[in-house]
Amino acid sequence: MRTGFMAGVAAAAVLLGGGLAMAQAVIEIAPEQRTRIKEYVVQEHVRPAPLRERVTVGATLPTEVELAAVPETWGPSLRRYRYVYWDNHVVLVEPSSRKVIEIIE
């Protein structure tokens, strides 16, 4: 019985540790890529999202906020995310959880 309990504790630690690592994933966006992203939202006249609350990394966006697909020109490493334009910032979002993963100023 004790062996089963210890195996369960070890499995839980692995699962929780893996989830923690995923939640803290860092996205590397080069300065020239950040500039290209900001130029895109200006040139394409992307409408700002109607968010009333301050947006921070780790926050979850409400379901009524429409997430846009990331254009190919932003690079392949960002294609899996979605974005919104808010308060002169490009906000990258994990689409399945709607969590903010990066804010490009």
N, C-alpha and C. Protein backbone atom coordinates (compact mmCIF):
# COMPACT_ATOMS: atom_id res chain seq x y z
N MET A 1 0.83 -1.19 0.00
CA MET A 1 0.00 0.00 0.00
C MET A 1 0.87 1.25 0.00
N ARG A 2 1.90 1.25 0.82
CA ARG A 2 2.78 2.41 0.89
C ARG A 2 3.49 2.65 -0.44
N THR A 3 3.86 1.60 -1.15
CA THR A 3 4.51 1.73 -2.44
C THR A 3 3.58 2.39 -3.44
N GLY A 4 2.31 2.02 -3.43
CA GLY A 4 1.33 2.62 -4.32
C GLY A 4 1.14 4.09 -4.03
N PHE A 5 1.13 4.43 -2.75
CA PHE A 5 0.99 5.83 -2.36
C PHE A 5 2.17 6.66 -2.86
N MET A 6 3.39 6.14 -2.66
CA MET A 6 4.58 6.86 -3.08
C MET A 6 4.62 7.02 -4.60
N ALA A 7 4.18 5.99 -5.33
CA ALA A 7 4.13 6.09 -6.79
C ALA A 7 3.14 7.16 -7.22
N GLY A 8 2.03 7.24 -6.52
CA GLY A 8 1.03 8.27 -6.82
C GLY A 8 1.56 9.67 -6.55
N VAL A 9 2.28 9.83 -5.46
CA VAL A 9 2.87 11.13 -5.12
C VAL A 9 3.90 11.51 -6.19
N ALA A 10 4.72 10.56 -6.60
CA ALA A 10 5.74 10.84 -7.62
C ALA A 10 5.08 11.23 -8.94
N ALA A 11 4.02 10.52 -9.33
CA ALA A 11 3.32 10.84 -10.57
C ALA A 11 2.71 12.23 -10.51
N ALA A 12 2.12 12.57 -9.37
CA ALA A 12 1.52 13.90 -9.21
C ALA A 12 2.59 14.99 -9.30
N ALA A 13 3.75 14.75 -8.72
CA ALA A 13 4.83 15.73 -8.77
C ALA A 13 5.30 15.96 -10.21
N VAL A 14 5.39 14.89 -10.98
CA VAL A 14 5.79 15.01 -12.38
C VAL A 14 4.75 15.80 -13.15
N LEU A 15 3.48 15.49 -12.95
CA LEU A 15 2.43 16.20 -13.67
C LEU A 15 2.39 17.67 -13.29
N LEU A 16 2.48 17.96 -12.01
CA LEU A 16 2.44 19.36 -11.58
C LEU A 16 3.68 20.11 -12.05
N GLY A 17 4.82 19.47 -11.98
CA GLY A 17 6.05 20.11 -12.44
C GLY A 17 6.00 20.40 -13.92
N GLY A 18 5.47 19.50 -14.71
CA GLY A 18 5.34 19.72 -16.15
C GLY A 18 4.39 20.85 -16.46
N GLY A 19 3.30 20.94 -15.73
CA GLY A 19 2.34 22.02 -15.93
C GLY A 19 2.94 23.36 -15.57
N LEU A 20 3.75 23.37 -14.53
CA LEU A 20 4.40 24.60 -14.11
C LEU A 20 5.38 25.07 -15.18
N ALA A 21 6.12 24.13 -15.74
CA ALA A 21 7.08 24.49 -16.79
C ALA A 21 6.35 25.06 -18.01
N MET A 22 5.22 24.47 -18.36
CA MET A 22 4.46 24.97 -19.50
C MET A 22 3.94 26.37 -19.24
N ALA A 23 3.48 26.61 -18.03
CA ALA A 23 2.90 27.91 -17.70
C ALA A 23 3.95 29.01 -17.74
N GLN A 24 5.22 28.65 -17.53
CA GLN A 24 6.26 29.64 -17.49
C GLN A 24 7.09 29.67 -18.77
N ALA A 25 6.56 29.11 -19.84
CA ALA A 25 7.29 29.08 -21.11
C ALA A 25 7.62 30.50 -21.55
N VAL A 26 8.82 30.68 -22.05
CA VAL A 26 9.27 31.99 -22.50
C VAL A 26 9.31 31.99 -24.02
N ILE A 27 8.79 33.04 -24.60
CA ILE A 27 8.81 33.18 -26.05
C ILE A 27 9.91 34.18 -26.39
N GLU A 28 10.80 33.77 -27.25
CA GLU A 28 11.87 34.65 -27.71
C GLU A 28 11.40 35.38 -28.96
N ILE A 29 11.30 36.70 -28.87
CA ILE A 29 10.90 37.52 -30.01
C ILE A 29 11.99 38.57 -30.19
N ALA A 30 12.69 38.47 -31.31
CA ALA A 30 13.80 39.39 -31.59
C ALA A 30 13.27 40.82 -31.77
N PRO A 31 14.10 41.81 -31.47
CA PRO A 31 13.67 43.22 -31.62
C PRO A 31 13.13 43.55 -33.01
N GLU A 32 13.78 43.04 -34.07
CA GLU A 32 13.29 43.35 -35.43
C GLU A 32 11.94 42.67 -35.69
N GLN A 33 11.70 41.53 -35.07
CA GLN A 33 10.41 40.85 -35.21
C GLN A 33 9.33 41.65 -34.46
N ARG A 34 9.65 42.18 -33.31
CA ARG A 34 8.72 43.03 -32.56
C ARG A 34 8.35 44.26 -33.38
N THR A 35 9.34 44.85 -34.04
CA THR A 35 9.09 46.02 -34.90
C THR A 35 8.17 45.66 -36.05
N ARG A 36 8.40 44.52 -36.68
CA ARG A 36 7.56 44.05 -37.80
C ARG A 36 6.12 43.84 -37.33
N ILE A 37 5.94 43.31 -36.14
CA ILE A 37 4.59 43.07 -35.59
C ILE A 37 3.88 44.40 -35.35
N LYS A 38 4.57 45.34 -34.73
CA LYS A 38 3.97 46.66 -34.47
C LYS A 38 3.63 47.38 -35.78
N GLU A 39 4.51 47.30 -36.77
CA GLU A 39 4.24 47.92 -38.07
C GLU A 39 3.00 47.31 -38.72
N TYR A 40 2.83 46.01 -38.56
CA TYR A 40 1.68 45.33 -39.16
C TYR A 40 0.37 45.89 -38.61
N VAL A 41 0.25 46.00 -37.29
CA VAL A 41 -1.03 46.46 -36.72
C VAL A 41 -1.33 47.91 -37.10
N VAL A 42 -0.27 48.71 -37.31
CA VAL A 42 -0.48 50.10 -37.74
C VAL A 42 -0.89 50.14 -39.21
N GLN A 43 -0.16 49.44 -40.07
CA GLN A 43 -0.44 49.45 -41.50
C GLN A 43 -1.79 48.84 -41.84
N GLU A 44 -2.17 47.81 -41.11
CA GLU A 44 -3.44 47.12 -41.38
C GLU A 44 -4.61 47.73 -40.62
N HIS A 45 -4.37 48.78 -39.86
CA HIS A 45 -5.42 49.46 -39.10
C HIS A 45 -6.20 48.48 -38.23
N VAL A 46 -5.47 47.65 -37.50
CA VAL A 46 -6.11 46.66 -36.62
C VAL A 46 -6.86 47.40 -35.53
N ARG A 47 -8.13 47.05 -35.38
CA ARG A 47 -8.96 47.71 -34.37
C ARG A 47 -8.61 47.21 -32.98
N PRO A 48 -8.51 48.12 -32.03
CA PRO A 48 -8.22 47.71 -30.65
C PRO A 48 -9.36 46.86 -30.05
N ALA A 49 -8.99 45.93 -29.22
CA ALA A 49 -9.97 45.10 -28.53
C ALA A 49 -10.65 45.93 -27.43
N PRO A 50 -11.94 45.73 -27.24
CA PRO A 50 -12.68 46.50 -26.23
C PRO A 50 -12.50 45.91 -24.83
N LEU A 51 -11.30 46.04 -24.29
CA LEU A 51 -11.03 45.52 -22.95
C LEU A 51 -11.04 46.67 -21.96
N ARG A 52 -11.75 46.48 -20.87
CA ARG A 52 -11.85 47.54 -19.87
C ARG A 52 -10.80 47.38 -18.77
N GLU A 53 -10.39 46.14 -18.53
CA GLU A 53 -9.42 45.88 -17.47
C GLU A 53 -8.01 45.85 -18.04
N ARG A 54 -7.05 46.11 -17.19
CA ARG A 54 -5.64 46.05 -17.59
C ARG A 54 -5.28 44.62 -17.95
N VAL A 55 -4.50 44.47 -19.02
CA VAL A 55 -4.08 43.15 -19.49
C VAL A 55 -2.65 42.90 -19.02
N THR A 56 -2.42 41.73 -18.43
CA THR A 56 -1.09 41.35 -17.97
C THR A 56 -0.78 39.93 -18.44
N VAL A 57 0.50 39.61 -18.52
CA VAL A 57 0.90 38.25 -18.87
C VAL A 57 0.36 37.30 -17.81
N GLY A 58 -0.27 36.23 -18.26
CA GLY A 58 -0.86 35.25 -17.36
C GLY A 58 -2.35 35.43 -17.17
N ALA A 59 -2.88 36.60 -17.52
CA ALA A 59 -4.32 36.86 -17.39
C ALA A 59 -5.08 36.06 -18.45
N THR A 60 -6.33 35.78 -18.18
CA THR A 60 -7.19 35.09 -19.13
C THR A 60 -8.14 36.10 -19.74
N LEU A 61 -8.17 36.15 -21.07
CA LEU A 61 -9.06 37.10 -21.75
C LEU A 61 -10.48 36.56 -21.77
N PRO A 62 -11.47 37.43 -21.64
CA PRO A 62 -12.87 37.01 -21.68
C PRO A 62 -13.23 36.39 -23.03
N THR A 63 -14.21 35.51 -23.03
CA THR A 63 -14.61 34.82 -24.26
C THR A 63 -15.20 35.77 -25.29
N GLU A 64 -15.71 36.92 -24.88
CA GLU A 64 -16.30 37.84 -25.85
C GLU A 64 -15.24 38.63 -26.63
N VAL A 65 -13.97 38.54 -26.22
CA VAL A 65 -12.89 39.21 -26.95
C VAL A 65 -12.48 38.30 -28.11
N GLU A 66 -12.58 38.86 -29.32
CA GLU A 66 -12.25 38.09 -30.52
C GLU A 66 -10.74 38.03 -30.70
N LEU A 67 -10.22 36.81 -30.84
CA LEU A 67 -8.80 36.60 -31.05
C LEU A 67 -8.53 36.47 -32.55
N ALA A 68 -7.52 37.18 -33.05
CA ALA A 68 -7.17 37.13 -34.47
C ALA A 68 -6.02 36.15 -34.69
N ALA A 69 -6.00 35.54 -35.86
CA ALA A 69 -4.91 34.64 -36.23
C ALA A 69 -3.64 35.45 -36.45
N VAL A 70 -2.52 34.90 -36.05
CA VAL A 70 -1.23 35.55 -36.25
C VAL A 70 -0.84 35.42 -37.72
N PRO A 71 -0.51 36.53 -38.38
CA PRO A 71 -0.11 36.47 -39.79
C PRO A 71 1.22 35.71 -39.97
N GLU A 72 1.39 35.10 -41.13
CA GLU A 72 2.62 34.36 -41.42
C GLU A 72 3.85 35.23 -41.33
N THR A 73 3.72 36.50 -41.66
CA THR A 73 4.86 37.41 -41.66
C THR A 73 5.47 37.61 -40.27
N TRP A 74 4.74 37.23 -39.22
CA TRP A 74 5.26 37.37 -37.86
C TRP A 74 6.23 36.26 -37.51
N GLY A 75 6.28 35.23 -38.34
CA GLY A 75 7.23 34.14 -38.12
C GLY A 75 6.56 32.86 -37.67
N PRO A 76 7.16 31.72 -38.03
CA PRO A 76 6.56 30.42 -37.73
C PRO A 76 6.46 30.10 -36.25
N SER A 77 7.33 30.67 -35.44
CA SER A 77 7.28 30.37 -34.00
C SER A 77 6.05 30.95 -33.31
N LEU A 78 5.38 31.90 -33.95
CA LEU A 78 4.21 32.54 -33.35
C LEU A 78 2.89 32.08 -33.95
N ARG A 79 2.92 31.28 -35.00
CA ARG A 79 1.71 30.90 -35.74
C ARG A 79 0.69 30.15 -34.87
N ARG A 80 1.11 29.46 -33.84
CA ARG A 80 0.17 28.70 -33.02
C ARG A 80 -0.65 29.58 -32.07
N TYR A 81 -0.25 30.84 -31.94
CA TYR A 81 -0.93 31.76 -31.02
C TYR A 81 -1.97 32.59 -31.76
N ARG A 82 -2.75 33.33 -31.01
CA ARG A 82 -3.67 34.32 -31.53
C ARG A 82 -3.27 35.66 -30.89
N TYR A 83 -3.87 36.73 -31.37
CA TYR A 83 -3.52 38.03 -30.79
C TYR A 83 -4.71 38.96 -30.75
N VAL A 84 -4.58 39.98 -29.92
CA VAL A 84 -5.49 41.12 -29.91
C VAL A 84 -4.61 42.36 -29.83
N TYR A 85 -5.16 43.47 -30.30
CA TYR A 85 -4.47 44.75 -30.21
C TYR A 85 -5.20 45.52 -29.13
N TRP A 86 -4.45 45.96 -28.13
CA TRP A 86 -5.07 46.62 -26.99
C TRP A 86 -4.14 47.69 -26.44
N ASP A 87 -4.64 48.89 -26.27
CA ASP A 87 -3.91 49.98 -25.63
C ASP A 87 -2.51 50.17 -26.25
N ASN A 88 -2.45 50.14 -27.57
CA ASN A 88 -1.20 50.30 -28.31
C ASN A 88 -0.22 49.15 -28.09
N HIS A 89 -0.72 48.00 -27.68
CA HIS A 89 0.10 46.82 -27.45
C HIS A 89 -0.47 45.64 -28.25
N VAL A 90 0.42 44.78 -28.71
CA VAL A 90 -0.01 43.53 -29.34
C VAL A 90 0.07 42.47 -28.25
N VAL A 91 -1.04 41.82 -27.99
CA VAL A 91 -1.14 40.85 -26.92
C VAL A 91 -1.23 39.45 -27.53
N LEU A 92 -0.22 38.62 -27.31
CA LEU A 92 -0.23 37.25 -27.81
C LEU A 92 -0.94 36.36 -26.79
N VAL A 93 -1.79 35.47 -27.33
CA VAL A 93 -2.67 34.67 -26.49
C VAL A 93 -2.58 33.20 -26.89
N GLU A 94 -2.56 32.31 -25.90
CA GLU A 94 -2.68 30.87 -26.15
C GLU A 94 -4.16 30.61 -26.41
N PRO A 95 -4.53 30.19 -27.63
CA PRO A 95 -5.95 30.11 -27.97
C PRO A 95 -6.78 29.12 -27.15
N SER A 96 -6.21 27.99 -26.75
CA SER A 96 -7.01 27.00 -26.03
C SER A 96 -7.39 27.46 -24.62
N SER A 97 -6.49 28.18 -23.97
CA SER A 97 -6.75 28.64 -22.61
C SER A 97 -7.13 30.12 -22.54
N ARG A 98 -6.86 30.86 -23.64
CA ARG A 98 -7.08 32.31 -23.71
C ARG A 98 -6.18 33.08 -22.75
N LYS A 99 -5.08 32.46 -22.33
CA LYS A 99 -4.14 33.11 -21.44
C LYS A 99 -3.15 33.98 -22.23
N VAL A 100 -2.87 35.15 -21.69
CA VAL A 100 -1.92 36.07 -22.29
C VAL A 100 -0.51 35.51 -22.04
N ILE A 101 0.26 35.37 -23.11
CA ILE A 101 1.60 34.83 -22.96
C ILE A 101 2.69 35.86 -23.21
N GLU A 102 2.36 36.93 -23.91
CA GLU A 102 3.34 37.97 -24.21
C GLU A 102 2.62 39.26 -24.58
N ILE A 103 3.19 40.37 -24.17
CA ILE A 103 2.68 41.68 -24.54
C ILE A 103 3.80 42.43 -25.23
N ILE A 104 3.55 42.81 -26.48
CA ILE A 104 4.56 43.51 -27.27
C ILE A 104 4.22 44.98 -27.26
N GLU A 105 5.13 45.77 -26.71
CA GLU A 105 4.89 47.22 -26.59
C GLU A 105 5.41 47.96 -27.78
